[in-house]
Amino acid sequence: MRFKLARDVFADRLDLEAEGYPFVEIERGRWRIDRTRLISEVKVNLHEALTLYLATRKTARQTRFRHPHAASGMDKLAANRWQNACSKRQNDSPTAAKTRRRSRSWKR
């Protein structure tokens, strides 16, 4: 090959796989990113996520026509928010949870 493109793409694919990007081999030597397992990071706060979710849900449910893209986007947004919430819970330590419980009971 003149530009060594195949080697560069192969090395890039290996680097991306090491970073956690899911790849699927379509046929021998042809790869693509598996979009069903790839959840890109969207940085939104709780209020922005709720606004996006409610607007998408309204679009998906309250029209006469099917909106498969809106439903798919809503599922991805919900999965992304769920994934972030679960990772935050895992990072909480037991002592932090006890402190929060004490501070809540103190405010009553």
N, C-alpha and C. Protein backbone atom coordinates (compact mmCIF):
# COMPACT_ATOMS: atom_id res chain seq x y z
N MET A 1 0.83 -1.17 0.00
CA MET A 1 0.00 0.00 0.00
C MET A 1 0.88 1.24 0.00
N ARG A 2 0.39 2.22 -0.67
CA ARG A 2 1.19 3.42 -0.84
C ARG A 2 1.27 4.26 0.44
N PHE A 3 0.15 4.43 1.12
CA PHE A 3 0.15 5.30 2.29
C PHE A 3 0.10 4.54 3.62
N LYS A 4 0.17 3.23 3.57
CA LYS A 4 0.11 2.39 4.77
C LYS A 4 -1.18 2.65 5.55
N LEU A 5 -2.26 2.84 4.84
CA LEU A 5 -3.53 3.17 5.47
C LEU A 5 -4.06 2.01 6.31
N ALA A 6 -3.92 0.80 5.82
CA ALA A 6 -4.45 -0.36 6.55
C ALA A 6 -3.78 -0.50 7.92
N ARG A 7 -2.50 -0.25 7.99
CA ARG A 7 -1.81 -0.36 9.28
C ARG A 7 -2.24 0.74 10.24
N ASP A 8 -2.42 1.95 9.73
CA ASP A 8 -2.85 3.06 10.58
C ASP A 8 -4.25 2.81 11.12
N VAL A 9 -5.15 2.36 10.28
CA VAL A 9 -6.52 2.10 10.71
C VAL A 9 -6.54 0.96 11.72
N PHE A 10 -5.75 -0.07 11.49
CA PHE A 10 -5.68 -1.20 12.42
C PHE A 10 -5.18 -0.73 13.78
N ALA A 11 -4.15 0.09 13.79
CA ALA A 11 -3.61 0.59 15.05
C ALA A 11 -4.63 1.49 15.76
N ASP A 12 -5.33 2.32 14.99
CA ASP A 12 -6.36 3.17 15.58
C ASP A 12 -7.49 2.34 16.18
N ARG A 13 -7.89 1.29 15.49
CA ARG A 13 -8.96 0.43 16.00
C ARG A 13 -8.52 -0.23 17.30
N LEU A 14 -7.29 -0.70 17.36
CA LEU A 14 -6.80 -1.32 18.59
C LEU A 14 -6.76 -0.32 19.74
N ASP A 15 -6.35 0.91 19.44
CA ASP A 15 -6.33 1.94 20.48
C ASP A 15 -7.74 2.24 20.99
N LEU A 16 -8.69 2.34 20.07
CA LEU A 16 -10.07 2.61 20.47
C LEU A 16 -10.66 1.44 21.25
N GLU A 17 -10.34 0.22 20.87
CA GLU A 17 -10.81 -0.95 21.63
C GLU A 17 -10.23 -0.94 23.03
N ALA A 18 -8.97 -0.52 23.17
CA ALA A 18 -8.36 -0.45 24.49
C ALA A 18 -9.04 0.61 25.36
N GLU A 19 -9.59 1.65 24.73
CA GLU A 19 -10.31 2.69 25.48
C GLU A 19 -11.74 2.29 25.80
N GLY A 20 -12.21 1.17 25.24
CA GLY A 20 -13.53 0.68 25.58
C GLY A 20 -14.59 0.83 24.52
N TYR A 21 -14.22 1.26 23.32
CA TYR A 21 -15.21 1.37 22.25
C TYR A 21 -15.54 -0.02 21.72
N PRO A 22 -16.82 -0.36 21.61
CA PRO A 22 -17.21 -1.69 21.14
C PRO A 22 -17.18 -1.78 19.61
N PHE A 23 -16.43 -2.72 19.08
CA PHE A 23 -16.34 -2.93 17.63
C PHE A 23 -16.98 -4.25 17.26
N VAL A 24 -17.53 -4.30 16.04
CA VAL A 24 -18.13 -5.51 15.49
C VAL A 24 -17.50 -5.76 14.14
N GLU A 25 -17.09 -7.01 13.89
CA GLU A 25 -16.53 -7.35 12.59
C GLU A 25 -17.68 -7.72 11.65
N ILE A 26 -17.84 -6.92 10.59
CA ILE A 26 -18.92 -7.14 9.63
C ILE A 26 -18.57 -8.33 8.74
N GLU A 27 -17.41 -8.31 8.18
CA GLU A 27 -16.88 -9.43 7.41
C GLU A 27 -15.38 -9.42 7.63
N ARG A 28 -14.69 -10.36 7.07
CA ARG A 28 -13.26 -10.49 7.34
C ARG A 28 -12.52 -9.20 6.97
N GLY A 29 -11.93 -8.56 7.96
CA GLY A 29 -11.15 -7.36 7.73
C GLY A 29 -11.95 -6.06 7.73
N ARG A 30 -13.27 -6.13 7.92
CA ARG A 30 -14.11 -4.92 7.93
C ARG A 30 -14.77 -4.80 9.30
N TRP A 31 -14.53 -3.68 9.93
CA TRP A 31 -15.01 -3.44 11.28
C TRP A 31 -15.86 -2.17 11.31
N ARG A 32 -16.73 -2.09 12.32
CA ARG A 32 -17.48 -0.87 12.57
C ARG A 32 -17.75 -0.78 14.07
N ILE A 33 -18.06 0.42 14.53
CA ILE A 33 -18.40 0.62 15.93
C ILE A 33 -19.83 0.17 16.15
N ASP A 34 -20.05 -0.62 17.18
CA ASP A 34 -21.38 -1.11 17.50
C ASP A 34 -22.17 0.00 18.19
N ARG A 35 -23.06 0.63 17.45
CA ARG A 35 -23.81 1.78 17.96
C ARG A 35 -24.86 1.39 19.00
N THR A 36 -25.23 0.12 19.04
CA THR A 36 -26.22 -0.28 20.04
C THR A 36 -25.61 -0.37 21.43
N ARG A 37 -24.31 -0.60 21.52
CA ARG A 37 -23.64 -0.71 22.82
C ARG A 37 -22.85 0.53 23.20
N LEU A 38 -22.70 1.47 22.26
CA LEU A 38 -21.92 2.67 22.53
C LEU A 38 -22.85 3.75 23.07
N ILE A 39 -22.60 4.18 24.27
CA ILE A 39 -23.34 5.30 24.84
C ILE A 39 -22.35 6.43 25.03
N SER A 40 -22.51 7.46 24.23
CA SER A 40 -21.59 8.58 24.33
C SER A 40 -21.95 9.42 25.54
N GLU A 41 -20.99 10.15 26.01
CA GLU A 41 -21.21 10.96 27.20
C GLU A 41 -21.85 12.28 26.81
N VAL A 42 -22.97 12.56 27.43
CA VAL A 42 -23.64 13.84 27.25
C VAL A 42 -23.68 14.48 28.63
N LYS A 43 -23.04 15.62 28.76
CA LYS A 43 -22.96 16.28 30.06
C LYS A 43 -24.14 17.22 30.22
N VAL A 44 -25.15 16.77 30.93
CA VAL A 44 -26.30 17.61 31.27
C VAL A 44 -26.60 17.43 32.75
N ASN A 45 -27.15 18.49 33.34
CA ASN A 45 -27.52 18.35 34.75
C ASN A 45 -28.90 17.71 34.85
N LEU A 46 -29.38 17.54 36.05
CA LEU A 46 -30.64 16.84 36.27
C LEU A 46 -31.82 17.56 35.61
N HIS A 47 -31.84 18.88 35.71
CA HIS A 47 -32.96 19.63 35.15
C HIS A 47 -32.98 19.58 33.63
N GLU A 48 -31.81 19.66 33.01
CA GLU A 48 -31.72 19.55 31.55
C GLU A 48 -32.13 18.16 31.08
N ALA A 49 -31.70 17.15 31.80
CA ALA A 49 -32.05 15.78 31.42
C ALA A 49 -33.55 15.55 31.55
N LEU A 50 -34.14 16.07 32.61
CA LEU A 50 -35.58 15.92 32.79
C LEU A 50 -36.35 16.64 31.68
N THR A 51 -35.89 17.82 31.30
CA THR A 51 -36.54 18.56 30.21
C THR A 51 -36.45 17.79 28.90
N LEU A 52 -35.28 17.28 28.59
CA LEU A 52 -35.12 16.50 27.36
C LEU A 52 -35.98 15.24 27.39
N TYR A 53 -36.00 14.57 28.51
CA TYR A 53 -36.77 13.33 28.63
C TYR A 53 -38.27 13.60 28.46
N LEU A 54 -38.78 14.62 29.14
CA LEU A 54 -40.21 14.91 29.05
C LEU A 54 -40.63 15.37 27.66
N ALA A 55 -39.79 16.18 27.02
CA ALA A 55 -40.12 16.63 25.67
C ALA A 55 -40.12 15.47 24.69
N THR A 56 -39.15 14.59 24.82
CA THR A 56 -39.08 13.44 23.93
C THR A 56 -40.24 12.48 24.19
N ARG A 57 -40.57 12.29 25.44
CA ARG A 57 -41.69 11.41 25.78
C ARG A 57 -43.01 11.96 25.25
N LYS A 58 -43.18 13.26 25.36
CA LYS A 58 -44.41 13.87 24.83
C LYS A 58 -44.48 13.72 23.32
N THR A 59 -43.36 13.93 22.64
CA THR A 59 -43.32 13.76 21.19
C THR A 59 -43.62 12.32 20.80
N ALA A 60 -43.07 11.38 21.55
CA ALA A 60 -43.25 9.97 21.20
C ALA A 60 -44.68 9.49 21.48
N ARG A 61 -45.35 10.05 22.46
CA ARG A 61 -46.65 9.52 22.88
C ARG A 61 -47.85 10.31 22.37
N GLN A 62 -47.72 11.62 22.19
CA GLN A 62 -48.90 12.43 21.94
C GLN A 62 -49.05 12.88 20.50
N THR A 63 -48.53 12.16 19.58
CA THR A 63 -48.74 12.47 18.17
C THR A 63 -49.39 11.27 17.49
N ARG A 64 -49.96 11.51 16.35
CA ARG A 64 -50.63 10.43 15.63
C ARG A 64 -49.64 9.52 14.92
N PHE A 65 -48.44 9.98 14.71
CA PHE A 65 -47.46 9.23 13.94
C PHE A 65 -46.43 8.60 14.87
N ARG A 66 -45.88 7.49 14.43
CA ARG A 66 -44.81 6.84 15.18
C ARG A 66 -43.53 7.64 15.03
N HIS A 67 -42.79 7.76 16.09
CA HIS A 67 -41.49 8.43 16.08
C HIS A 67 -40.45 7.48 16.66
N PRO A 68 -39.96 6.54 15.87
CA PRO A 68 -39.00 5.58 16.42
C PRO A 68 -37.69 6.24 16.85
N HIS A 69 -37.32 7.34 16.19
CA HIS A 69 -36.07 8.01 16.56
C HIS A 69 -36.22 8.71 17.92
N ALA A 70 -37.38 9.29 18.15
CA ALA A 70 -37.62 9.92 19.46
C ALA A 70 -37.63 8.87 20.56
N ALA A 71 -38.26 7.74 20.31
CA ALA A 71 -38.29 6.67 21.31
C ALA A 71 -36.89 6.12 21.57
N SER A 72 -36.11 5.97 20.51
CA SER A 72 -34.74 5.48 20.67
C SER A 72 -33.89 6.48 21.45
N GLY A 73 -34.03 7.76 21.14
CA GLY A 73 -33.29 8.79 21.87
C GLY A 73 -33.68 8.84 23.33
N MET A 74 -34.97 8.65 23.60
CA MET A 74 -35.45 8.65 24.98
C MET A 74 -34.86 7.46 25.74
N ASP A 75 -34.80 6.31 25.11
CA ASP A 75 -34.20 5.14 25.75
C ASP A 75 -32.73 5.37 26.05
N LYS A 76 -32.01 5.97 25.11
CA LYS A 76 -30.58 6.21 25.31
C LYS A 76 -30.34 7.23 26.41
N LEU A 77 -31.17 8.28 26.44
CA LEU A 77 -31.02 9.29 27.48
C LEU A 77 -31.32 8.69 28.85
N ALA A 78 -32.36 7.87 28.94
CA ALA A 78 -32.69 7.23 30.21
C ALA A 78 -31.58 6.27 30.64
N ALA A 79 -31.02 5.53 29.68
CA ALA A 79 -29.92 4.61 30.01
C ALA A 79 -28.69 5.37 30.47
N ASN A 80 -28.41 6.49 29.83
CA ASN A 80 -27.25 7.29 30.19
C ASN A 80 -27.42 7.87 31.59
N ARG A 81 -28.60 8.39 31.91
CA ARG A 81 -28.83 8.95 33.24
C ARG A 81 -28.78 7.84 34.30
N TRP A 82 -29.32 6.66 33.98
CA TRP A 82 -29.30 5.54 34.91
C TRP A 82 -27.86 5.09 35.17
N GLN A 83 -27.06 5.05 34.10
CA GLN A 83 -25.66 4.64 34.22
C GLN A 83 -24.90 5.63 35.10
N ASN A 84 -25.13 6.92 34.91
CA ASN A 84 -24.45 7.93 35.72
C ASN A 84 -24.89 7.86 37.17
N ALA A 85 -26.17 7.64 37.42
CA ALA A 85 -26.68 7.55 38.79
C ALA A 85 -26.09 6.34 39.50
N CYS A 86 -25.98 5.22 38.80
CA CYS A 86 -25.41 4.01 39.41
C CYS A 86 -23.94 4.18 39.73
N SER A 87 -23.20 4.84 38.84
CA SER A 87 -21.77 5.03 39.10
C SER A 87 -21.56 5.99 40.26
N LYS A 88 -22.45 6.97 40.43
CA LYS A 88 -22.32 7.88 41.57
C LYS A 88 -22.62 7.16 42.87
N ARG A 89 -23.59 6.24 42.85
CA ARG A 89 -23.91 5.49 44.06
C ARG A 89 -22.77 4.58 44.46
N GLN A 90 -22.08 4.01 43.50
CA GLN A 90 -20.97 3.12 43.81
C GLN A 90 -19.81 3.89 44.42
N ASN A 91 -19.68 5.17 44.03
CA ASN A 91 -18.58 5.98 44.55
C ASN A 91 -18.84 6.47 45.97
N ASP A 92 -20.10 6.44 46.40
CA ASP A 92 -20.42 6.88 47.75
C ASP A 92 -19.84 5.90 48.76
N SER A 93 -19.25 6.45 49.79
CA SER A 93 -18.72 5.58 50.84
C SER A 93 -19.77 5.41 51.93
N PRO A 94 -19.67 4.36 52.73
CA PRO A 94 -20.63 4.15 53.81
C PRO A 94 -20.62 5.28 54.83
N THR A 95 -19.46 5.88 55.08
CA THR A 95 -19.40 6.97 56.06
C THR A 95 -20.12 8.21 55.53
N ALA A 96 -20.04 8.45 54.23
CA ALA A 96 -20.75 9.60 53.66
C ALA A 96 -22.25 9.39 53.76
N ALA A 97 -22.72 8.18 53.57
CA ALA A 97 -24.15 7.90 53.69
C ALA A 97 -24.62 8.10 55.12
N LYS A 98 -23.81 7.68 56.11
CA LYS A 98 -24.19 7.88 57.51
C LYS A 98 -24.26 9.35 57.85
N THR A 99 -23.31 10.13 57.34
CA THR A 99 -23.29 11.57 57.60
C THR A 99 -24.54 12.23 57.02
N ARG A 100 -24.92 11.83 55.82
CA ARG A 100 -26.12 12.40 55.21
C ARG A 100 -27.36 12.05 56.02
N ARG A 101 -27.45 10.80 56.49
CA ARG A 101 -28.62 10.40 57.28
C ARG A 101 -28.70 11.20 58.57
N ARG A 102 -27.55 11.40 59.22
CA ARG A 102 -27.54 12.18 60.45
C ARG A 102 -27.96 13.62 60.19
N SER A 103 -27.45 14.21 59.11
CA SER A 103 -27.77 15.61 58.84
C SER A 103 -29.25 15.77 58.49
N ARG A 104 -29.86 14.79 57.83
CA ARG A 104 -31.28 14.86 57.53
C ARG A 104 -32.12 14.79 58.80
N SER A 105 -31.76 13.89 59.71
CA SER A 105 -32.54 13.75 60.94
C SER A 105 -32.34 14.98 61.83
N TRP A 106 -31.21 15.63 61.75
CA TRP A 106 -30.94 16.80 62.55
C TRP A 106 -31.80 17.98 62.10
N LYS A 107 -32.08 18.07 60.79
CA LYS A 107 -32.84 19.19 60.26
C LYS A 107 -34.32 19.10 60.58
N ARG A 108 -34.82 17.94 60.94
CA ARG A 108 -36.26 17.78 61.18
C ARG A 108 -36.73 18.48 62.40
